């Protein structure tokens, strides 16, 4: 196999598709168009002389040849990235590439403003940012596909370090609210729109409701917090989302829900063995400043 720069891009594309199991997600993570990514895969098929993926349901899976290639190439690319990042970190210079994975609500309210300020100061910095679920962020960290993740804290995650950022309440957002505080049991009287059960926030809500014997009047499930807030603004449904996202939405009022089960801690997460230097360290500092500017209390570490 040729070892030209183009081939390295093909291999990175292959590894990302293999790990995410979908061309659409991989294209987003790599900041490529889907046609460009598909062309990379076709070229790699021609170079190897065999098919590396096959269709499976709505996604794709590796063939036996693809599995072998991933097993061989994945660790090599990971080691290459680590070597490059080590060199970039020397002298704590803010340059090179910073790869960020964040849950959607934190990406839009905290990550993007922090990144924008960094880019205006550090001309040699390139950032890739992708919105993922909490589980996808941890997987991407462990597999070396992102450098840092902005997600929820977890009691145990082998191979991942974290710093707590702030506590956030989940709140009721609705176009018509007569009060700004409520008991958890009152939620049963509201028709609700919620995230689907693939999201940690939904599982947290379900657990809290079940622990109090509350049966929600669930009308619709979606996979996007912005969609939930748009639905709540239009009515007749209300929704339960993080306070940070709700505060930045238009057309909805907010009611605090009196239950500690509906409080979550945001965290800055990275793979064990990495150091918060260079671009990673600068991003952490900028993120803390952005959190404070939103009126949130930063958790001391």
C-alpha atoms as a PDB file:
ATOM      1  CA  UNK A   1       0.000   0.000   0.000  1.00  0.00           C
ATOM      2  CA  UNK A   2       1.355   3.425  -0.880  1.00  0.00           C
ATOM      3  CA  UNK A   3       2.330   5.640   2.028  1.00  0.00           C
ATOM      4  CA  UNK A   4       1.515   8.984   0.431  1.00  0.00           C
ATOM      5  CA  UNK A   5      -0.339  11.694   2.330  1.00  0.00           C
ATOM      6  CA  UNK A   6      -3.517  10.918   0.385  1.00  0.00           C
ATOM      7  CA  UNK A   7      -3.388   7.335   1.629  1.00  0.00           C
ATOM      8  CA  UNK A   8      -3.154   8.572   5.211  1.00  0.00           C
ATOM      9  CA  UNK A   9      -6.373  10.526   4.708  1.00  0.00           C
ATOM     10  CA  UNK A  10      -8.014   7.425   3.263  1.00  0.00           C
ATOM     11  CA  UNK A  11      -7.003   5.413   6.304  1.00  0.00           C
ATOM     12  CA  UNK A  12      -8.291   8.061   8.716  1.00  0.00           C
ATOM     13  CA  UNK A  13     -11.606   8.062   6.867  1.00  0.00           C
ATOM     14  CA  UNK A  14     -11.773   4.278   6.999  1.00  0.00           C
ATOM     15  CA  UNK A  15     -11.070   4.151  10.740  1.00  0.00           C
ATOM     16  CA  UNK A  16     -13.677   6.806  11.543  1.00  0.00           C
ATOM     17  CA  UNK A  17     -16.398   5.036   9.524  1.00  0.00           C
ATOM     18  CA  UNK A  18     -15.469   1.703  11.099  1.00  0.00           C
ATOM     19  CA  UNK A  19     -15.743   3.086  14.613  1.00  0.00           C
ATOM     20  CA  UNK A  20     -18.933   5.096  14.134  1.00  0.00           C
ATOM     21  CA  UNK A  21     -20.645   2.559  11.871  1.00  0.00           C
ATOM     22  CA  UNK A  22     -22.173   5.226   9.646  1.00  0.00           C
ATOM     23  CA  UNK A  23     -20.860   7.384   6.812  1.00  0.00           C
ATOM     24  CA  UNK A  24     -23.015  10.351   7.891  1.00  0.00           C
ATOM     25  CA  UNK A  25     -21.593  10.511  11.417  1.00  0.00           C
ATOM     26  CA  UNK A  26     -18.063   9.900  10.196  1.00  0.00           C
ATOM     27  CA  UNK A  27     -18.322  12.678   7.609  1.00  0.00           C
ATOM     28  CA  UNK A  28     -19.445  15.101  10.320  1.00  0.00           C
ATOM     29  CA  UNK A  29     -16.620  14.071  12.644  1.00  0.00           C
ATOM     30  CA  UNK A  30     -14.038  14.471   9.864  1.00  0.00           C
ATOM     31  CA  UNK A  31     -15.542  17.717   8.541  1.00  0.00           C
ATOM     32  CA  UNK A  32     -16.033  16.130   5.117  1.00  0.00           C
ATOM     33  CA  UNK A  33     -18.985  15.898   2.779  1.00  0.00           C
ATOM     34  CA  UNK A  34     -20.564  12.468   2.478  1.00  0.00           C
ATOM     35  CA  UNK A  35     -19.618  12.165  -1.234  1.00  0.00           C
ATOM     36  CA  UNK A  36     -15.980  12.984  -0.404  1.00  0.00           C
ATOM     37  CA  UNK A  37     -15.895  10.393   2.364  1.00  0.00           C
ATOM     38  CA  UNK A  38     -17.540   7.782   0.135  1.00  0.00           C
ATOM     39  CA  UNK A  39     -14.874   8.486  -2.504  1.00  0.00           C
ATOM     40  CA  UNK A  40     -12.160   7.868   0.113  1.00  0.00           C
ATOM     41  CA  UNK A  41     -13.684   4.475   0.866  1.00  0.00           C
ATOM     42  CA  UNK A  42     -13.898   3.575  -2.827  1.00  0.00           C
ATOM     43  CA  UNK A  43     -10.242   4.509  -3.353  1.00  0.00           C
ATOM     44  CA  UNK A  44      -9.199   2.417  -0.372  1.00  0.00           C
ATOM     45  CA  UNK A  45     -11.206  -0.528  -1.721  1.00  0.00           C
ATOM     46  CA  UNK A  46      -9.290  -0.195  -4.996  1.00  0.00           C
ATOM     47  CA  UNK A  47      -5.930  -0.038  -3.208  1.00  0.00           C
ATOM     48  CA  UNK A  48      -6.648  -3.095  -1.045  1.00  0.00           C
ATOM     49  CA  UNK A  49      -8.397  -4.969  -3.837  1.00  0.00           C
ATOM     50  CA  UNK A  50     -11.280  -6.011  -1.612  1.00  0.00           C
ATOM     51  CA  UNK A  51     -14.468  -4.682  -0.017  1.00  0.00           C
ATOM     52  CA  UNK A  52     -13.936  -3.351   3.493  1.00  0.00           C
ATOM     53  CA  UNK A  53     -17.576  -2.706   4.424  1.00  0.00           C
ATOM     54  CA  UNK A  54     -20.935  -4.308   3.757  1.00  0.00           C
ATOM     55  CA  UNK A  55     -24.454  -3.018   4.360  1.00  0.00           C
ATOM     56  CA  UNK A  56     -26.196  -4.055   7.572  1.00  0.00           C
ATOM     57  CA  UNK A  57     -29.671  -2.664   8.215  1.00  0.00           C
ATOM     58  CA  UNK A  58     -29.469   1.120   7.953  1.00  0.00           C
ATOM     59  CA  UNK A  59     -25.753   1.159   8.598  1.00  0.00           C
ATOM     60  CA  UNK A  60     -22.627  -0.633   7.488  1.00  0.00           C
ATOM     61  CA  UNK A  61     -20.314  -3.147   9.147  1.00  0.00           C
ATOM     62  CA  UNK A  62     -16.795  -4.313   8.488  1.00  0.00           C
ATOM     63  CA  UNK A  63     -16.070  -7.303   6.320  1.00  0.00           C
ATOM     64  CA  UNK A  64     -13.454  -9.767   7.562  1.00  0.00           C
ATOM     65  CA  UNK A  65     -10.851  -7.891   5.516  1.00  0.00           C
ATOM     66  CA  UNK A  66     -12.039  -4.591   6.971  1.00  0.00           C
ATOM     67  CA  UNK A  67     -11.794  -5.943  10.517  1.00  0.00           C
ATOM     68  CA  UNK A  68      -8.224  -7.039   9.873  1.00  0.00           C
ATOM     69  CA  UNK A  69      -7.295  -3.636   8.444  1.00  0.00           C
ATOM     70  CA  UNK A  70      -8.838  -1.817  11.418  1.00  0.00           C
ATOM     71  CA  UNK A  71      -6.965  -4.068  13.837  1.00  0.00           C
ATOM     72  CA  UNK A  72      -3.679  -3.267  12.110  1.00  0.00           C
ATOM     73  CA  UNK A  73      -4.143   0.392  11.199  1.00  0.00           C
ATOM     74  CA  UNK A  74      -6.150   1.739  14.157  1.00  0.00           C
ATOM     75  CA  UNK A  75      -3.346   1.504  16.749  1.00  0.00           C
ATOM     76  CA  UNK A  76      -0.793   2.896  14.273  1.00  0.00           C
ATOM     77  CA  UNK A  77      -2.852   6.014  13.566  1.00  0.00           C
ATOM     78  CA  UNK A  78      -3.524   6.434  17.275  1.00  0.00           C
ATOM     79  CA  UNK A  79       0.192   6.282  18.055  1.00  0.00           C
ATOM     80  CA  UNK A  80       0.918   8.738  15.254  1.00  0.00           C
ATOM     81  CA  UNK A  81      -1.631  11.182  16.677  1.00  0.00           C
ATOM     82  CA  UNK A  82      -0.204  10.820  20.179  1.00  0.00           C
ATOM     83  CA  UNK A  83       3.317  11.468  18.895  1.00  0.00           C
ATOM     84  CA  UNK A  84       2.219  14.571  17.007  1.00  0.00           C
ATOM     85  CA  UNK A  85       0.252  15.848  20.004  1.00  0.00           C
ATOM     86  CA  UNK A  86       3.249  15.327  22.292  1.00  0.00           C
ATOM     87  CA  UNK A  87       5.428  17.386  19.983  1.00  0.00           C
ATOM     88  CA  UNK A  88       2.771  20.091  19.692  1.00  0.00           C
ATOM     89  CA  UNK A  89       2.410  20.245  23.472  1.00  0.00           C
ATOM     90  CA  UNK A  90       6.113  20.960  24.016  1.00  0.00           C
ATOM     91  CA  UNK A  91       6.444  24.544  25.059  1.00  0.00           C
ATOM     92  CA  UNK A  92       2.657  24.569  25.560  1.00  0.00           C
ATOM     93  CA  UNK A  93       2.153  26.217  22.200  1.00  0.00           C
ATOM     94  CA  UNK A  94      -1.461  26.601  21.152  1.00  0.00           C
ATOM     95  CA  UNK A  95      -1.269  25.270  17.620  1.00  0.00           C
ATOM     96  CA  UNK A  96      -2.086  22.197  15.584  1.00  0.00           C
ATOM     97  CA  UNK A  97      -5.455  20.446  15.781  1.00  0.00           C
ATOM     98  CA  UNK A  98      -7.852  20.227  18.720  1.00  0.00           C
ATOM     99  CA  UNK A  99     -10.690  17.698  18.385  1.00  0.00           C
ATOM    100  CA  UNK A 100     -13.713  18.321  20.596  1.00  0.00           C
ATOM    101  CA  UNK A 101     -16.762  16.154  21.216  1.00  0.00           C
ATOM    102  CA  UNK A 102     -19.678  17.678  23.137  1.00  0.00           C
ATOM    103  CA  UNK A 103     -23.311  17.005  23.863  1.00  0.00           C
ATOM    104  CA  UNK A 104     -25.514  19.277  21.783  1.00  0.00           C
ATOM    105  CA  UNK A 105     -26.728  21.693  24.468  1.00  0.00           C
ATOM    106  CA  UNK A 106     -23.202  22.382  25.762  1.00  0.00           C
ATOM    107  CA  UNK A 107     -21.739  22.571  22.269  1.00  0.00           C
ATOM    108  CA  UNK A 108     -23.976  25.445  21.256  1.00  0.00           C
ATOM    109  CA  UNK A 109     -24.019  27.429  24.488  1.00  0.00           C
ATOM    110  CA  UNK A 110     -20.460  26.946  25.775  1.00  0.00           C
ATOM    111  CA  UNK A 111     -18.103  25.209  23.357  1.00  0.00           C
ATOM    112  CA  UNK A 112     -18.719  27.319  20.252  1.00  0.00           C
ATOM    113  CA  UNK A 113     -18.277  30.681  22.039  1.00  0.00           C
ATOM    114  CA  UNK A 114     -15.068  29.436  23.701  1.00  0.00           C
ATOM    115  CA  UNK A 115     -13.690  28.089  20.418  1.00  0.00           C
ATOM    116  CA  UNK A 116     -14.520  31.301  18.563  1.00  0.00           C
ATOM    117  CA  UNK A 117     -12.462  33.320  21.034  1.00  0.00           C
ATOM    118  CA  UNK A 118      -9.533  30.894  20.762  1.00  0.00           C
ATOM    119  CA  UNK A 119      -9.501  31.052  16.970  1.00  0.00           C
ATOM    120  CA  UNK A 120      -9.335  34.838  17.046  1.00  0.00           C
ATOM    121  CA  UNK A 121      -6.164  34.686  19.167  1.00  0.00           C
ATOM    122  CA  UNK A 122      -4.301  31.610  17.868  1.00  0.00           C
ATOM    123  CA  UNK A 123      -3.945  31.653  14.059  1.00  0.00           C
ATOM    124  CA  UNK A 124      -2.103  28.310  13.941  1.00  0.00           C
ATOM    125  CA  UNK A 125      -4.903  26.425  15.706  1.00  0.00           C
ATOM    126  CA  UNK A 126      -7.391  24.255  13.812  1.00  0.00           C
ATOM    127  CA  UNK A 127     -10.453  22.881  15.636  1.00  0.00           C
ATOM    128  CA  UNK A 128     -12.840  20.092  14.758  1.00  0.00           C
ATOM    129  CA  UNK A 129     -16.008  19.898  16.846  1.00  0.00           C
ATOM    130  CA  UNK A 130     -18.739  17.289  16.678  1.00  0.00           C
ATOM    131  CA  UNK A 131     -21.967  16.844  18.639  1.00  0.00           C
ATOM    132  CA  UNK A 132     -22.274  13.380  20.199  1.00  0.00           C
ATOM    133  CA  UNK A 133     -24.170  11.647  22.984  1.00  0.00           C
ATOM    134  CA  UNK A 134     -22.394  11.063  26.280  1.00  0.00           C
ATOM    135  CA  UNK A 135     -21.729   7.413  25.443  1.00  0.00           C
ATOM    136  CA  UNK A 136     -20.381   8.337  22.004  1.00  0.00           C
ATOM    137  CA  UNK A 137     -18.045  10.906  23.554  1.00  0.00           C
ATOM    138  CA  UNK A 138     -16.520   8.372  25.932  1.00  0.00           C
ATOM    139  CA  UNK A 139     -16.073   5.872  23.115  1.00  0.00           C
ATOM    140  CA  UNK A 140     -14.446   8.516  20.921  1.00  0.00           C
ATOM    141  CA  UNK A 141     -12.073   9.479  23.746  1.00  0.00           C
ATOM    142  CA  UNK A 142     -11.016   5.896  24.366  1.00  0.00           C
ATOM    143  CA  UNK A 143     -10.531   5.220  20.660  1.00  0.00           C
ATOM    144  CA  UNK A 144      -8.536   8.409  20.117  1.00  0.00           C
ATOM    145  CA  UNK A 145     -11.065  10.071  17.819  1.00  0.00           C
ATOM    146  CA  UNK A 146     -11.452  13.218  19.957  1.00  0.00           C
ATOM    147  CA  UNK A 147      -9.063  14.919  22.374  1.00  0.00           C
ATOM    148  CA  UNK A 148     -11.591  16.281  24.867  1.00  0.00           C
ATOM    149  CA  UNK A 149     -15.249  15.707  25.638  1.00  0.00           C
ATOM    150  CA  UNK A 150     -17.781  18.020  27.260  1.00  0.00           C
ATOM    151  CA  UNK A 151     -20.409  15.779  28.744  1.00  0.00           C
ATOM    152  CA  UNK A 152     -21.746  14.544  32.092  1.00  0.00           C
ATOM    153  CA  UNK A 153     -19.674  13.311  35.001  1.00  0.00           C
ATOM    154  CA  UNK A 154     -19.825   9.606  35.701  1.00  0.00           C
ATOM    155  CA  UNK A 155     -18.874   7.700  38.823  1.00  0.00           C
ATOM    156  CA  UNK A 156     -16.561   5.333  36.965  1.00  0.00           C
ATOM    157  CA  UNK A 157     -15.101   5.272  33.492  1.00  0.00           C
ATOM    158  CA  UNK A 158     -11.923   3.259  33.079  1.00  0.00           C
ATOM    159  CA  UNK A 159      -9.367   5.055  30.957  1.00  0.00           C
ATOM    160  CA  UNK A 160     -10.925   8.524  31.250  1.00  0.00           C
ATOM    161  CA  UNK A 161      -9.990  11.466  33.485  1.00  0.00           C
ATOM    162  CA  UNK A 162     -12.264  14.404  34.137  1.00  0.00           C
ATOM    163  CA  UNK A 163     -12.673  17.745  35.838  1.00  0.00           C
ATOM    164  CA  UNK A 164     -16.106  18.732  37.070  1.00  0.00           C
ATOM    165  CA  UNK A 165     -17.359  21.994  35.587  1.00  0.00           C
ATOM    166  CA  UNK A 166     -20.736  22.946  37.078  1.00  0.00           C
ATOM    167  CA  UNK A 167     -24.027  21.556  38.345  1.00  0.00           C
ATOM    168  CA  UNK A 168     -27.103  22.023  36.203  1.00  0.00           C
ATOM    169  CA  UNK A 169     -30.758  21.429  37.002  1.00  0.00           C
ATOM    170  CA  UNK A 170     -33.183  19.891  34.561  1.00  0.00           C
ATOM    171  CA  UNK A 171     -36.189  22.204  34.293  1.00  0.00           C
ATOM    172  CA  UNK A 172     -39.675  22.201  32.826  1.00  0.00           C
ATOM    173  CA  UNK A 173     -39.871  24.449  29.757  1.00  0.00           C
ATOM    174  CA  UNK A 174     -43.285  25.452  28.463  1.00  0.00           C
ATOM    175  CA  UNK A 175     -45.017  28.249  26.594  1.00  0.00           C
ATOM    176  CA  UNK A 176     -47.582  28.603  29.397  1.00  0.00           C
ATOM    177  CA  UNK A 177     -46.376  28.418  32.995  1.00  0.00           C
ATOM    178  CA  UNK A 178     -48.120  30.011  35.953  1.00  0.00           C
ATOM    179  CA  UNK A 179     -45.248  29.483  38.410  1.00  0.00           C
ATOM    180  CA  UNK A 180     -41.472  29.209  38.386  1.00  0.00           C
ATOM    181  CA  UNK A 181     -41.138  26.282  40.798  1.00  0.00           C
ATOM    182  CA  UNK A 182     -42.919  22.946  41.059  1.00  0.00           C
ATOM    183  CA  UNK A 183     -42.973  19.563  42.748  1.00  0.00           C
ATOM    184  CA  UNK A 184     -41.904  16.546  40.723  1.00  0.00           C
ATOM    185  CA  UNK A 185     -45.339  14.940  41.075  1.00  0.00           C
ATOM    186  CA  UNK A 186     -46.939  17.864  39.245  1.00  0.00           C
ATOM    187  CA  UNK A 187     -45.242  16.716  36.031  1.00  0.00           C
ATOM    188  CA  UNK A 188     -47.907  14.041  35.529  1.00  0.00           C
ATOM    189  CA  UNK A 189     -50.378  16.788  34.551  1.00  0.00           C
ATOM    190  CA  UNK A 190     -48.204  18.090  31.689  1.00  0.00           C
ATOM    191  CA  UNK A 191     -48.171  16.490  28.213  1.00  0.00           C
ATOM    192  CA  UNK A 192     -44.473  16.028  27.535  1.00  0.00           C
ATOM    193  CA  UNK A 193     -41.988  15.943  24.692  1.00  0.00           C
ATOM    194  CA  UNK A 194     -38.732  14.223  25.695  1.00  0.00           C
ATOM    195  CA  UNK A 195     -35.500  12.945  24.216  1.00  0.00           C
ATOM    196  CA  UNK A 196     -35.532   9.256  23.353  1.00  0.00           C
ATOM    197  CA  UNK A 197     -34.060   6.638  25.676  1.00  0.00           C
ATOM    198  CA  UNK A 198     -30.671   6.619  23.910  1.00  0.00           C
ATOM    199  CA  UNK A 199     -29.848   9.824  25.780  1.00  0.00           C
ATOM    200  CA  UNK A 200     -28.520   9.863  29.344  1.00  0.00           C
ATOM    201  CA  UNK A 201     -30.761  12.819  30.208  1.00  0.00           C
ATOM    202  CA  UNK A 202     -33.880  10.825  29.290  1.00  0.00           C
ATOM    203  CA  UNK A 203     -32.756   7.882  31.400  1.00  0.00           C
ATOM    204  CA  UNK A 204     -32.131  10.249  34.306  1.00  0.00           C
ATOM    205  CA  UNK A 205     -35.643  11.684  33.940  1.00  0.00           C
ATOM    206  CA  UNK A 206     -37.235   8.228  33.750  1.00  0.00           C
ATOM    207  CA  UNK A 207     -35.368   7.060  36.855  1.00  0.00           C
ATOM    208  CA  UNK A 208     -36.363  10.118  38.866  1.00  0.00           C
ATOM    209  CA  UNK A 209     -40.028   9.879  37.867  1.00  0.00           C
ATOM    210  CA  UNK A 210     -40.171   6.152  38.549  1.00  0.00           C
ATOM    211  CA  UNK A 211     -38.604   6.571  42.001  1.00  0.00           C
ATOM    212  CA  UNK A 212     -41.557   8.801  42.949  1.00  0.00           C
ATOM    213  CA  UNK A 213     -44.197   6.701  41.211  1.00  0.00           C
ATOM    214  CA  UNK A 214     -44.906   9.417  38.637  1.00  0.00           C
ATOM    215  CA  UNK A 215     -46.246   8.242  35.275  1.00  0.00           C
ATOM    216  CA  UNK A 216     -45.497  10.887  32.617  1.00  0.00           C
ATOM    217  CA  UNK A 217     -47.966  11.878  29.908  1.00  0.00           C
ATOM    218  CA  UNK A 218     -45.433  11.347  27.115  1.00  0.00           C
ATOM    219  CA  UNK A 219     -46.684  12.538  23.713  1.00  0.00           C
ATOM    220  CA  UNK A 220     -43.577  12.633  21.528  1.00  0.00           C
ATOM    221  CA  UNK A 221     -39.917  11.581  21.540  1.00  0.00           C
ATOM    222  CA  UNK A 222     -37.212  13.309  19.484  1.00  0.00           C
ATOM    223  CA  UNK A 223     -33.420  13.166  19.266  1.00  0.00           C
ATOM    224  CA  UNK A 224     -32.583  16.865  19.501  1.00  0.00           C
ATOM    225  CA  UNK A 225     -32.875  19.364  22.373  1.00  0.00           C
ATOM    226  CA  UNK A 226     -33.539  22.283  20.012  1.00  0.00           C
ATOM    227  CA  UNK A 227     -36.501  20.383  18.573  1.00  0.00           C
ATOM    228  CA  UNK A 228     -37.853  19.858  22.095  1.00  0.00           C
ATOM    229  CA  UNK A 229     -37.672  23.569  22.840  1.00  0.00           C
ATOM    230  CA  UNK A 230     -39.327  24.472  19.540  1.00  0.00           C
ATOM    231  CA  UNK A 231     -42.160  22.057  20.328  1.00  0.00           C
ATOM    232  CA  UNK A 232     -42.547  23.541  23.805  1.00  0.00           C
ATOM    233  CA  UNK A 233     -42.658  27.069  22.381  1.00  0.00           C
ATOM    234  CA  UNK A 234     -45.412  26.096  19.956  1.00  0.00           C
ATOM    235  CA  UNK A 235     -47.385  23.910  22.383  1.00  0.00           C
ATOM    236  CA  UNK A 236     -49.388  22.037  23.494  1.00  0.00           C
ATOM    237  CA  UNK A 237     -46.513  19.986  24.940  1.00  0.00           C
ATOM    238  CA  UNK A 238     -43.942  20.956  27.540  1.00  0.00           C
ATOM    239  CA  UNK A 239     -40.462  19.514  27.868  1.00  0.00           C
ATOM    240  CA  UNK A 240     -37.745  18.762  30.421  1.00  0.00           C
ATOM    241  CA  UNK A 241     -34.252  19.924  29.450  1.00  0.00           C
ATOM    242  CA  UNK A 242     -31.109  21.343  30.996  1.00  0.00           C
ATOM    243  CA  UNK A 243     -31.497  24.835  32.407  1.00  0.00           C
ATOM    244  CA  UNK A 244     -28.666  26.212  30.284  1.00  0.00           C
ATOM    245  CA  UNK A 245     -30.387  25.254  27.028  1.00  0.00           C
ATOM    246  CA  UNK A 246     -33.796  26.410  28.283  1.00  0.00           C
ATOM    247  CA  UNK A 247     -32.494  29.830  29.321  1.00  0.00           C
ATOM    248  CA  UNK A 248     -31.207  30.549  25.825  1.00  0.00           C
ATOM    249  CA  UNK A 249     -34.452  29.479  24.098  1.00  0.00           C
ATOM    250  CA  UNK A 250     -37.150  31.921  23.060  1.00  0.00           C
ATOM    251  CA  UNK A 251     -40.875  31.511  23.593  1.00  0.00           C
ATOM    252  CA  UNK A 252     -40.739  29.339  26.703  1.00  0.00           C
ATOM    253  CA  UNK A 253     -40.954  29.886  30.434  1.00  0.00           C
ATOM    254  CA  UNK A 254     -38.971  27.844  32.938  1.00  0.00           C
ATOM    255  CA  UNK A 255     -40.040  26.143  36.159  1.00  0.00           C
ATOM    256  CA  UNK A 256     -37.545  24.641  38.594  1.00  0.00           C
ATOM    257  CA  UNK A 257     -38.401  21.047  39.565  1.00  0.00           C
ATOM    258  CA  UNK A 258     -37.768  20.316  43.229  1.00  0.00           C
ATOM    259  CA  UNK A 259     -35.929  17.013  43.030  1.00  0.00           C
ATOM    260  CA  UNK A 260     -32.210  16.299  43.432  1.00  0.00           C
ATOM    261  CA  UNK A 261     -32.582  13.409  41.019  1.00  0.00           C
ATOM    262  CA  UNK A 262     -32.932  15.986  38.246  1.00  0.00           C
ATOM    263  CA  UNK A 263     -29.539  17.596  38.804  1.00  0.00           C
ATOM    264  CA  UNK A 264     -26.518  16.672  36.701  1.00  0.00           C
ATOM    265  CA  UNK A 265     -22.861  17.662  36.735  1.00  0.00           C
ATOM    266  CA  UNK A 266     -21.106  18.732  33.561  1.00  0.00           C
ATOM    267  CA  UNK A 267     -17.532  17.550  33.108  1.00  0.00           C
ATOM    268  CA  UNK A 268     -14.464  18.169  30.959  1.00  0.00           C
ATOM    269  CA  UNK A 269     -13.269  14.667  30.038  1.00  0.00           C
ATOM    270  CA  UNK A 270     -10.127  13.322  28.383  1.00  0.00           C
ATOM    271  CA  UNK A 271      -8.282  10.043  28.032  1.00  0.00           C
ATOM    272  CA  UNK A 272      -5.952   9.018  30.860  1.00  0.00           C
ATOM    273  CA  UNK A 273      -2.310   9.717  30.151  1.00  0.00           C
ATOM    274  CA  UNK A 274      -2.950  12.971  28.305  1.00  0.00           C
ATOM    275  CA  UNK A 275      -1.936  16.324  29.783  1.00  0.00           C
ATOM    276  CA  UNK A 276      -3.984  19.508  29.807  1.00  0.00           C
ATOM    277  CA  UNK A 277      -1.342  21.504  27.969  1.00  0.00           C
ATOM    278  CA  UNK A 278      -1.249  23.472  24.769  1.00  0.00           C
ATOM    279  CA  UNK A 279      -4.590  23.721  22.996  1.00  0.00           C
ATOM    280  CA  UNK A 280      -6.336  21.404  25.467  1.00  0.00           C
ATOM    281  CA  UNK A 281      -5.300  23.512  28.443  1.00  0.00           C
ATOM    282  CA  UNK A 282      -6.196  26.754  26.703  1.00  0.00           C
ATOM    283  CA  UNK A 283      -9.609  25.391  25.741  1.00  0.00           C
ATOM    284  CA  UNK A 284     -10.277  24.342  29.337  1.00  0.00           C
ATOM    285  CA  UNK A 285      -9.465  27.851  30.594  1.00  0.00           C
ATOM    286  CA  UNK A 286     -11.648  29.489  27.932  1.00  0.00           C
ATOM    287  CA  UNK A 287     -14.495  27.113  28.724  1.00  0.00           C
ATOM    288  CA  UNK A 288     -14.336  27.979  32.428  1.00  0.00           C
ATOM    289  CA  UNK A 289     -14.547  31.681  31.540  1.00  0.00           C
ATOM    290  CA  UNK A 290     -17.560  31.016  29.325  1.00  0.00           C
ATOM    291  CA  UNK A 291     -19.287  29.055  32.101  1.00  0.00           C
ATOM    292  CA  UNK A 292     -18.798  31.935  34.522  1.00  0.00           C
ATOM    293  CA  UNK A 293     -20.102  34.437  31.979  1.00  0.00           C
ATOM    294  CA  UNK A 294     -23.334  32.408  31.844  1.00  0.00           C
ATOM    295  CA  UNK A 295     -23.803  32.956  35.582  1.00  0.00           C
ATOM    296  CA  UNK A 296     -23.000  29.355  36.530  1.00  0.00           C
ATOM    297  CA  UNK A 297     -20.979  28.373  39.587  1.00  0.00           C
ATOM    298  CA  UNK A 298     -17.812  26.514  38.634  1.00  0.00           C
ATOM    299  CA  UNK A 299     -17.144  23.435  40.787  1.00  0.00           C
ATOM    300  CA  UNK A 300     -13.711  23.688  42.500  1.00  0.00           C
ATOM    301  CA  UNK A 301     -11.336  20.872  41.508  1.00  0.00           C
END
